[in-house]
N, C-alpha and C. Protein backbone atom coordinates (compact mmCIF):
# COMPACT_ATOMS: atom_id res chain seq x y z
N MET A 1 31.98 65.39 63.08
CA MET A 1 31.85 66.70 62.65
C MET A 1 31.28 66.88 61.35
N GLY A 2 30.69 67.89 61.55
CA GLY A 2 29.78 68.47 60.20
C GLY A 2 30.64 69.17 59.07
N ALA A 3 29.98 69.56 58.14
CA ALA A 3 30.72 70.02 57.30
C ALA A 3 30.96 71.76 57.51
N GLY A 4 32.24 72.07 57.43
CA GLY A 4 32.79 73.54 57.67
C GLY A 4 33.13 73.68 59.31
N GLN A 5 33.06 72.59 59.89
CA GLN A 5 33.56 72.43 61.26
C GLN A 5 34.94 71.80 61.23
N SER A 6 35.63 72.52 62.01
CA SER A 6 37.16 71.87 62.13
C SER A 6 37.59 71.88 63.88
N ARG A 7 38.23 71.04 64.09
CA ARG A 7 39.15 70.77 65.22
C ARG A 7 40.24 71.59 65.24
N GLY A 8 40.93 71.83 64.37
CA GLY A 8 42.21 72.41 64.32
C GLY A 8 42.24 73.91 64.47
N SER A 9 43.43 74.63 64.69
CA SER A 9 43.15 76.05 65.03
C SER A 9 43.41 77.02 63.89
N ASN A 10 43.28 76.60 62.66
CA ASN A 10 43.47 77.21 61.46
C ASN A 10 42.45 78.20 61.17
N VAL A 11 42.83 79.47 61.12
CA VAL A 11 41.91 80.60 60.69
C VAL A 11 41.59 81.05 59.41
N LEU A 12 40.77 80.97 58.53
CA LEU A 12 40.90 81.66 57.20
C LEU A 12 41.04 82.81 57.21
N VAL A 13 41.71 83.46 56.44
CA VAL A 13 41.83 84.85 56.32
C VAL A 13 40.79 85.38 55.47
N VAL A 14 40.28 84.84 54.57
CA VAL A 14 39.19 85.09 54.03
C VAL A 14 38.17 84.14 54.13
N PRO A 15 37.06 84.37 55.10
CA PRO A 15 36.09 83.25 55.51
C PRO A 15 35.51 82.89 54.40
N GLN A 16 35.09 83.61 53.07
CA GLN A 16 34.51 83.20 52.04
C GLN A 16 35.11 82.23 51.52
N ALA A 17 36.20 82.16 51.63
CA ALA A 17 37.14 81.04 50.93
C ALA A 17 36.62 79.31 51.33
N ASN A 18 35.99 79.41 52.50
CA ASN A 18 35.61 78.06 52.95
C ASN A 18 34.69 77.44 52.16
N GLN A 19 33.79 78.24 51.36
CA GLN A 19 32.67 77.93 50.47
C GLN A 19 33.32 77.41 49.06
N ALA A 20 34.17 78.15 48.53
CA ALA A 20 35.03 77.91 47.34
C ALA A 20 35.89 76.65 47.51
N LEU A 21 36.56 76.47 48.79
CA LEU A 21 37.09 75.32 49.00
C LEU A 21 36.36 74.02 49.10
N ASP A 22 35.28 74.14 49.52
CA ASP A 22 34.41 72.99 49.45
C ASP A 22 33.74 72.69 48.52
N GLN A 23 33.74 73.55 47.48
CA GLN A 23 33.36 73.46 46.09
C GLN A 23 34.22 72.51 45.41
N LEU A 24 35.83 73.23 45.52
CA LEU A 24 36.76 72.49 44.85
C LEU A 24 36.77 70.98 45.47
N LYS A 25 36.51 70.92 46.63
CA LYS A 25 36.47 69.59 47.03
C LYS A 25 35.60 68.61 46.39
N TYR A 26 34.50 68.97 46.46
CA TYR A 26 33.30 68.03 45.53
C TYR A 26 33.83 68.02 44.00
N GLU A 27 34.13 69.01 43.24
CA GLU A 27 34.70 68.82 42.08
C GLU A 27 35.73 67.89 41.88
N VAL A 28 36.75 68.02 42.74
CA VAL A 28 37.72 67.23 42.77
C VAL A 28 37.31 65.59 42.71
N ALA A 29 36.65 65.24 44.07
CA ALA A 29 36.20 64.04 44.25
C ALA A 29 35.11 63.56 43.23
N GLN A 30 34.54 64.45 42.49
CA GLN A 30 33.57 63.92 41.23
C GLN A 30 34.48 63.46 40.16
N GLU A 31 35.66 64.14 39.94
CA GLU A 31 36.82 63.84 39.01
C GLU A 31 37.34 62.45 38.99
N LEU A 32 37.57 62.46 40.51
CA LEU A 32 38.23 61.12 40.84
C LEU A 32 37.32 60.00 40.83
N GLY A 33 35.91 60.40 40.95
CA GLY A 33 34.92 59.20 40.97
C GLY A 33 34.59 58.73 42.35
N ILE A 34 35.08 59.51 43.31
CA ILE A 34 35.05 59.30 44.92
C ILE A 34 33.87 60.05 45.45
N ALA A 35 32.84 59.07 46.12
CA ALA A 35 31.65 60.08 46.76
C ALA A 35 31.88 60.57 48.01
N ILE A 36 31.41 61.50 48.56
CA ILE A 36 31.78 62.37 49.65
C ILE A 36 30.20 62.31 50.39
N PRO A 37 30.58 61.77 51.53
CA PRO A 37 29.32 61.48 52.46
C PRO A 37 28.57 62.92 52.69
N GLN A 38 27.31 62.56 52.26
CA GLN A 38 26.53 63.90 52.49
C GLN A 38 26.26 64.51 54.00
N ASP A 39 26.59 63.55 54.85
CA ASP A 39 26.60 64.16 56.29
C ASP A 39 27.84 64.69 56.80
N GLY A 40 28.66 64.49 55.78
CA GLY A 40 30.13 65.43 56.11
C GLY A 40 30.78 64.72 57.19
N TYR A 41 30.42 63.25 57.40
CA TYR A 41 31.55 62.39 58.22
C TYR A 41 32.24 61.87 57.55
N TYR A 42 33.67 61.80 57.30
CA TYR A 42 34.69 61.32 56.75
C TYR A 42 35.00 60.16 57.16
N GLY A 43 34.71 59.57 58.56
CA GLY A 43 35.37 58.25 59.14
C GLY A 43 35.27 57.20 58.47
N ASN A 44 34.26 57.11 57.49
CA ASN A 44 33.97 55.87 56.99
C ASN A 44 34.63 55.82 55.48
N MET A 45 35.36 56.59 55.16
CA MET A 45 36.16 56.76 53.96
C MET A 45 37.45 56.27 54.17
N ALA A 46 37.81 55.65 52.95
CA ALA A 46 39.17 54.99 53.13
C ALA A 46 40.31 56.25 52.91
N THR A 47 41.41 56.14 53.83
CA THR A 47 42.20 57.16 53.63
C THR A 47 42.95 57.46 52.71
N ARG A 48 43.02 56.55 51.77
CA ARG A 48 43.64 56.57 50.13
C ARG A 48 42.79 57.47 49.41
N ASP A 49 41.56 57.36 49.63
CA ASP A 49 40.43 58.25 48.84
C ASP A 49 40.29 59.80 49.29
N THR A 50 40.64 59.81 50.74
CA THR A 50 40.66 61.28 51.18
C THR A 50 42.08 62.22 51.00
N GLY A 51 43.20 61.15 51.10
CA GLY A 51 44.51 61.43 50.46
C GLY A 51 44.36 61.82 49.25
N ALA A 52 43.75 61.12 48.37
CA ALA A 52 43.69 61.61 46.77
C ALA A 52 42.89 62.74 46.61
N ILE A 53 41.98 62.99 47.38
CA ILE A 53 41.28 64.52 47.18
C ILE A 53 42.01 65.77 47.81
N GLY A 54 42.68 65.48 48.65
CA GLY A 54 43.75 66.38 49.38
C GLY A 54 44.81 66.74 48.50
N GLY A 55 45.38 65.69 47.96
CA GLY A 55 46.58 66.03 47.11
C GLY A 55 46.32 66.51 45.64
N HIS A 56 44.96 66.16 45.16
CA HIS A 56 44.62 66.80 43.76
C HIS A 56 44.29 68.33 44.05
N ILE A 57 43.36 68.73 45.23
CA ILE A 57 43.07 70.00 45.86
C ILE A 57 44.58 70.83 45.78
N THR A 58 45.49 70.52 46.52
CA THR A 58 46.83 71.12 46.34
C THR A 58 47.56 71.32 45.23
N ARG A 59 47.32 70.16 44.34
CA ARG A 59 47.91 70.53 42.93
C ARG A 59 47.04 71.57 42.40
N ARG A 60 45.95 71.70 42.21
CA ARG A 60 44.93 72.41 41.56
C ARG A 60 45.24 74.09 42.07
N LEU A 61 45.24 74.00 43.62
CA LEU A 61 45.69 75.51 44.12
C LEU A 61 47.12 76.00 43.91
N VAL A 62 47.91 75.08 43.54
CA VAL A 62 49.36 75.53 43.26
C VAL A 62 49.22 75.94 41.63
N GLN A 63 48.63 75.15 40.89
CA GLN A 63 48.42 75.63 39.58
C GLN A 63 47.79 76.99 39.33
N ILE A 64 46.61 77.33 40.27
CA ILE A 64 45.98 78.62 40.03
C ILE A 64 46.86 79.19 40.57
N ALA A 65 47.52 79.41 41.58
CA ALA A 65 48.60 80.51 42.32
C ALA A 65 49.51 80.56 40.87
N GLU A 66 50.19 79.77 40.44
CA GLU A 66 51.26 79.95 39.33
C GLU A 66 50.71 80.82 38.17
N GLN A 67 49.57 80.45 37.64
CA GLN A 67 48.76 81.13 36.89
C GLN A 67 48.72 82.68 37.06
N GLN A 68 48.28 82.63 38.35
CA GLN A 68 48.14 84.29 38.52
C GLN A 68 49.48 85.00 38.75
N LEU A 69 50.28 84.30 39.54
CA LEU A 69 51.70 85.10 39.40
C LEU A 69 52.44 85.17 37.87
N ALA A 70 51.97 84.41 37.21
CA ALA A 70 52.60 84.32 35.69
C ALA A 70 51.79 85.61 35.05
N GLY A 71 50.56 85.82 35.37
CA GLY A 71 49.79 87.10 34.73
C GLY A 71 50.05 88.34 35.52
N GLN A 72 50.48 88.30 36.72
CA GLN A 72 51.06 89.56 37.38
C GLN A 72 52.40 89.93 36.71
N SER A 73 53.35 89.11 36.42
CA SER A 73 54.58 89.34 36.13
C SER A 73 54.54 89.70 34.59
N GLY A 74 53.63 89.22 33.96
CA GLY A 74 53.46 89.54 32.79
C GLY A 74 52.99 90.96 32.46
N GLN A 75 52.00 91.37 33.47
CA GLN A 75 51.61 92.72 33.30
C GLN A 75 52.52 93.82 33.82
N SER A 76 53.53 93.44 34.66
CA SER A 76 54.22 94.74 35.05
C SER A 76 55.35 95.17 34.18
N ARG A 77 55.44 94.71 32.91
CA ARG A 77 56.26 95.21 31.94
C ARG A 77 55.95 96.49 31.32
């Protein structure tokens, strides 16, 4: 499967988010010292590496959401 293709039935609510998520994936992989294949095929990557990237992306997204929620609650006063 190439970059941006998916077998799942997940549909992005904001289609432009796909580019931002890909950018986040590359940033996290670089921070972890993991090389992402240029052809977009992840079949040759270790499960441990792909799991680490996914876990760090999730942590980062939760952190961003918490910061946004904290900012919204602070403004409503």
